[in-house]
C-alpha atoms as a PDB file:
ATOM      1  CA  MET A   1      27.607  19.868  17.321  1.00  0.00           C
ATOM      2  CA  TRP A   2      29.109  20.045  20.597  1.00  0.00           C
ATOM      3  CA  LEU A   3      28.649  23.747  21.006  1.00  0.00           C
ATOM      4  CA  ARG A   4      25.634  23.375  20.507  1.00  0.00           C
ATOM      5  CA  GLU A   5      24.811  20.560  23.059  1.00  0.00           C
ATOM      6  CA  GLN A   6      26.529  23.217  25.317  1.00  0.00           C
ATOM      7  CA  PHE A   7      24.062  26.255  24.542  1.00  0.00           C
ATOM      8  CA  LEU A   8      21.075  23.975  24.847  1.00  0.00           C
ATOM      9  CA  SER A   9      22.544  22.624  28.357  1.00  0.00           C
ATOM     10  CA  LEU A  10      22.979  26.304  29.418  1.00  0.00           C
ATOM     11  CA  ILE A  11      19.458  27.456  28.605  1.00  0.00           C
ATOM     12  CA  THR A  12      18.016  24.540  30.319  1.00  0.00           C
ATOM     13  CA  GLU A  13      19.843  25.526  33.686  1.00  0.00           C
ATOM     14  CA  CYS A  14      18.969  29.227  32.935  1.00  0.00           C
ATOM     15  CA  HIS A  15      15.122  27.807  33.012  1.00  0.00           C
ATOM     16  CA  ILE A  16      15.867  25.547  36.344  1.00  0.00           C
ATOM     17  CA  LEU A  17      16.500  28.394  38.382  1.00  0.00           C
ATOM     18  CA  THR A  18      19.219  26.435  40.493  1.00  0.00           C
ATOM     19  CA  THR A  19      22.226  28.222  39.182  1.00  0.00           C
ATOM     20  CA  THR A  20      23.324  31.577  40.493  1.00  0.00           C
ATOM     21  CA  GLN A  21      23.009  34.312  37.189  1.00  0.00           C
ATOM     22  CA  ARG A  22      26.987  35.045  37.775  1.00  0.00           C
ATOM     23  CA  ASP A  23      27.731  31.252  37.330  1.00  0.00           C
ATOM     24  CA  LEU A  24      25.406  31.192  34.249  1.00  0.00           C
ATOM     25  CA  GLU A  25      27.791  34.270  33.027  1.00  0.00           C
ATOM     26  CA  HIS A  26      30.798  32.768  33.595  1.00  0.00           C
ATOM     27  CA  ARG A  27      29.354  29.662  31.802  1.00  0.00           C
ATOM     28  CA  LEU A  28      28.260  31.437  28.638  1.00  0.00           C
ATOM     29  CA  GLN A  29      31.617  33.219  28.030  1.00  0.00           C
ATOM     30  CA  PRO A  30      33.681  30.717  26.878  1.00  0.00           C
ATOM     31  CA  LEU A  31      31.065  29.530  24.835  1.00  0.00           C
ATOM     32  CA  THR A  32      30.532  33.174  23.069  1.00  0.00           C
ATOM     33  CA  ARG A  33      34.223  32.900  22.466  1.00  0.00           C
ATOM     34  CA  GLU A  34      34.265  29.473  20.581  1.00  0.00           C
ATOM     35  CA  LEU A  35      30.660  30.697  18.700  1.00  0.00           C
ATOM     36  CA  THR A  36      32.844  33.794  17.791  1.00  0.00           C
ATOM     37  CA  ALA A  37      35.665  31.604  16.872  1.00  0.00           C
ATOM     38  CA  VAL A  38      33.517  29.351  14.632  1.00  0.00           C
ATOM     39  CA  TYR A  39      31.917  31.983  12.885  1.00  0.00           C
ATOM     40  CA  LYS A  40      35.101  33.649  11.831  1.00  0.00           C
ATOM     41  CA  PHE A  41      36.330  30.419  10.204  1.00  0.00           C
ATOM     42  CA  ALA A  42      32.854  29.474   8.503  1.00  0.00           C
ATOM     43  CA  PRO A  43      32.913  30.573   4.902  1.00  0.00           C
ATOM     44  CA  ASN A  44      30.104  33.522   4.213  1.00  0.00           C
ATOM     45  CA  THR A  45      26.976  32.334   2.329  1.00  0.00           C
ATOM     46  CA  SER A  46      25.100  34.753   0.850  1.00  0.00           C
ATOM     47  CA  PRO A  47      21.492  34.405  -0.475  1.00  0.00           C
ATOM     48  CA  LYS A  48      22.825  33.881  -4.133  1.00  0.00           C
ATOM     49  CA  ALA A  49      25.173  31.220  -3.365  1.00  0.00           C
ATOM     50  CA  TYR A  50      22.343  29.251  -1.175  1.00  0.00           C
ATOM     51  CA  LYS A  51      20.758  29.344  -4.060  1.00  0.00           C
ATOM     52  CA  GLN A  52      22.995  28.515  -6.359  1.00  0.00           C
ATOM     53  CA  ALA A  53      23.850  25.485  -3.858  1.00  0.00           C
ATOM     54  CA  LYS A  54      19.936  24.525  -3.749  1.00  0.00           C
ATOM     55  CA  THR A  55      19.939  24.660  -7.636  1.00  0.00           C
ATOM     56  CA  ASP A  56      22.797  22.663  -8.201  1.00  0.00           C
ATOM     57  CA  LEU A  57      21.824  20.023  -5.640  1.00  0.00           C
ATOM     58  CA  ASP A  58      18.473  20.089  -7.190  1.00  0.00           C
ATOM     59  CA  ARG A  59      19.429  19.169 -10.523  1.00  0.00           C
ATOM     60  CA  GLY A  60      21.774  16.482  -9.000  1.00  0.00           C
ATOM     61  CA  HIS A  61      25.177  17.838  -9.006  1.00  0.00           C
ATOM     62  CA  PHE A  62      27.574  17.173  -5.614  1.00  0.00           C
ATOM     63  CA  THR A  63      25.182  14.394  -5.026  1.00  0.00           C
ATOM     64  CA  PHE A  64      26.380  10.649  -5.828  1.00  0.00           C
ATOM     65  CA  SER A  65      24.258   8.000  -7.656  1.00  0.00           C
ATOM     66  CA  ASP A  66      23.326   4.575  -6.293  1.00  0.00           C
ATOM     67  CA  GLU A  67      25.494   2.791  -8.154  1.00  0.00           C
ATOM     68  CA  GLU A  68      28.342   5.093  -6.940  1.00  0.00           C
ATOM     69  CA  ILE A  69      26.934   4.558  -3.066  1.00  0.00           C
ATOM     70  CA  ASP A  70      27.461   0.698  -3.785  1.00  0.00           C
ATOM     71  CA  THR A  71      30.859   0.933  -4.492  1.00  0.00           C
ATOM     72  CA  LEU A  72      31.668   2.887  -1.821  1.00  0.00           C
ATOM     73  CA  LEU A  73      29.971   0.375   0.720  1.00  0.00           C
ATOM     74  CA  PRO A  74      31.324  -3.099   1.923  1.00  0.00           C
ATOM     75  CA  SER A  75      29.654  -5.804  -0.207  1.00  0.00           C
ATOM     76  CA  HIS A  76      27.104  -7.334   2.295  1.00  0.00           C
ATOM     77  CA  LEU A  77      25.578  -3.405   2.536  1.00  0.00           C
ATOM     78  CA  ARG A  78      25.010  -2.659  -1.620  1.00  0.00           C
ATOM     79  CA  ASN A  79      22.262  -3.055  -3.227  1.00  0.00           C
ATOM     80  CA  LYS A  80      23.465  -4.736  -6.141  1.00  0.00           C
ATOM     81  CA  LYS A  81      26.111  -7.550  -5.034  1.00  0.00           C
ATOM     82  CA  PRO A  82      29.196  -7.303  -7.123  1.00  0.00           C
ATOM     83  CA  ALA A  83      28.083  -9.920  -9.632  1.00  0.00           C
ATOM     84  CA  GLU A  84      25.106  -8.094 -10.299  1.00  0.00           C
ATOM     85  CA  MET A  85      27.678  -4.546 -11.045  1.00  0.00           C
ATOM     86  CA  SER A  86      29.430  -5.788 -14.428  1.00  0.00           C
END
């Protein structure tokens, strides 16, 4: 998220036209290096893997039920109070 915000800031500066092109290029270089590093370690997502993940999520896999969420929350935030959960 931090990297995205830095790129948005840089784009904004490009539109304001108060920063020199050289200064913009100097800001862009480290952001590009950092983005390259992020992509290097990010898993590759193929269309097939994306489709499988979407299918699994649509079927409720890898998600929590309301009861499971309740057990993770402090009692005052739960949908069901502890007495109701037994």
